[in-house]
Amino acid sequence: MIFLDFILDVVGYTTARLLLPTLTFQKVKVDVLSSDEVGFNWLGFKRLPNGALLCDADSAGWIGALSWLIVLAIAITVAAR
């Protein structure tokens, strides 16, 4: 489980923290790891007063890790040709 925690918390979270605001033109922001924010929906998002969305750290970790899995799958597919 330590490996999965490392992947989600370090690699996935950091990737999502960089990618989500960039790809959404600052419409989605990622919460900090040690936040006490509550009120997220079941997908891990919450609407902020300025209209932007806030993604909780756990969901951000999964989003970042899945983005790396997609990149890996594309790289394997391209390399197999």
Protein backbone atom coordinates (compact mmCIF):
# COMPACT_ATOMS: atom_id res chain seq x y z
CA MET A 1 0.00 0.00 0.00
CA ILE A 2 2.96 2.35 0.48
CA PHE A 3 3.66 2.20 -3.26
CA LEU A 4 0.04 3.07 -4.13
CA ASP A 5 0.05 5.93 -1.62
CA PHE A 6 3.27 7.25 -3.17
CA ILE A 7 1.84 7.06 -6.69
CA LEU A 8 -1.42 8.78 -5.73
CA ASP A 9 -0.09 11.37 -3.31
CA VAL A 10 3.14 12.36 -4.99
CA VAL A 11 2.96 11.56 -8.69
CA GLY A 12 -0.81 11.74 -9.26
CA TYR A 13 -1.50 14.75 -7.05
CA THR A 14 1.42 16.75 -8.43
CA THR A 15 0.42 15.96 -12.00
CA ALA A 16 -3.20 16.97 -11.40
CA ARG A 17 -2.13 20.10 -9.52
CA LEU A 18 -0.21 21.19 -12.62
CA LEU A 19 -2.53 19.89 -15.37
CA LEU A 20 -6.07 20.62 -14.17
CA PRO A 21 -5.77 24.41 -13.86
CA THR A 22 -3.77 24.60 -17.08
CA LEU A 23 -6.12 22.47 -19.18
CA THR A 24 -9.28 24.12 -17.81
CA PHE A 25 -8.03 27.73 -18.04
CA GLN A 26 -8.18 28.09 -14.23
CA LYS A 27 -11.81 26.87 -14.04
CA VAL A 28 -10.71 23.90 -11.86
CA LYS A 29 -8.33 24.28 -8.95
CA VAL A 30 -6.85 21.51 -6.80
CA ASP A 31 -7.11 21.58 -3.02
CA VAL A 32 -3.94 21.28 -0.92
CA LEU A 33 -3.11 17.89 0.62
CA SER A 34 -3.60 18.93 4.23
CA SER A 35 -6.83 20.87 3.80
CA ASP A 36 -9.87 20.66 6.07
CA GLU A 37 -12.32 21.61 3.30
CA VAL A 38 -15.65 19.79 3.38
CA GLY A 39 -18.71 19.72 1.15
CA PHE A 40 -17.29 17.96 -1.90
CA ASN A 41 -19.69 15.97 -4.08
CA TRP A 42 -19.21 12.26 -4.74
CA LEU A 43 -16.86 13.02 -7.66
CA GLY A 44 -14.63 15.10 -5.37
CA PHE A 45 -15.55 18.55 -6.64
CA LYS A 46 -17.00 21.62 -4.98
CA ARG A 47 -18.12 24.96 -6.43
CA LEU A 48 -16.25 27.99 -5.12
CA PRO A 49 -17.88 31.41 -4.64
CA ASN A 50 -16.09 32.78 -7.73
CA GLY A 51 -17.65 30.04 -9.91
CA ALA A 52 -14.55 27.86 -10.24
CA LEU A 53 -14.46 24.22 -9.16
CA LEU A 54 -12.25 22.89 -6.38
CA CYS A 55 -11.04 19.30 -6.69
CA ASP A 56 -10.17 17.48 -3.47
CA ALA A 57 -6.68 16.03 -3.08
CA ASP A 58 -7.75 12.36 -3.24
CA SER A 59 -9.63 12.80 -6.51
CA ALA A 60 -6.76 14.84 -7.90
CA GLY A 61 -4.38 11.98 -7.12
CA TRP A 62 -6.54 9.54 -9.05
CA ILE A 63 -6.95 11.96 -11.98
CA GLY A 64 -3.18 12.48 -12.17
CA ALA A 65 -2.41 8.76 -11.91
CA LEU A 66 -4.97 7.90 -14.60
CA SER A 67 -3.49 10.53 -16.90
CA TRP A 68 -0.09 8.83 -16.56
CA LEU A 69 -1.71 5.44 -17.31
CA ILE A 70 -3.22 6.89 -20.48
CA VAL A 71 0.18 8.28 -21.52
CA LEU A 72 1.75 4.87 -20.83
CA ALA A 73 -0.91 3.08 -22.90
CA ILE A 74 -0.38 5.46 -25.82
CA ALA A 75 3.40 5.01 -25.61
CA ILE A 76 3.07 1.21 -25.63
CA THR A 77 0.68 1.36 -28.56
CA VAL A 78 3.00 3.61 -30.56
CA ALA A 79 6.05 1.49 -29.70
CA ALA A 80 4.28 -1.70 -30.77
CA ARG A 81 3.79 -0.45 -34.34
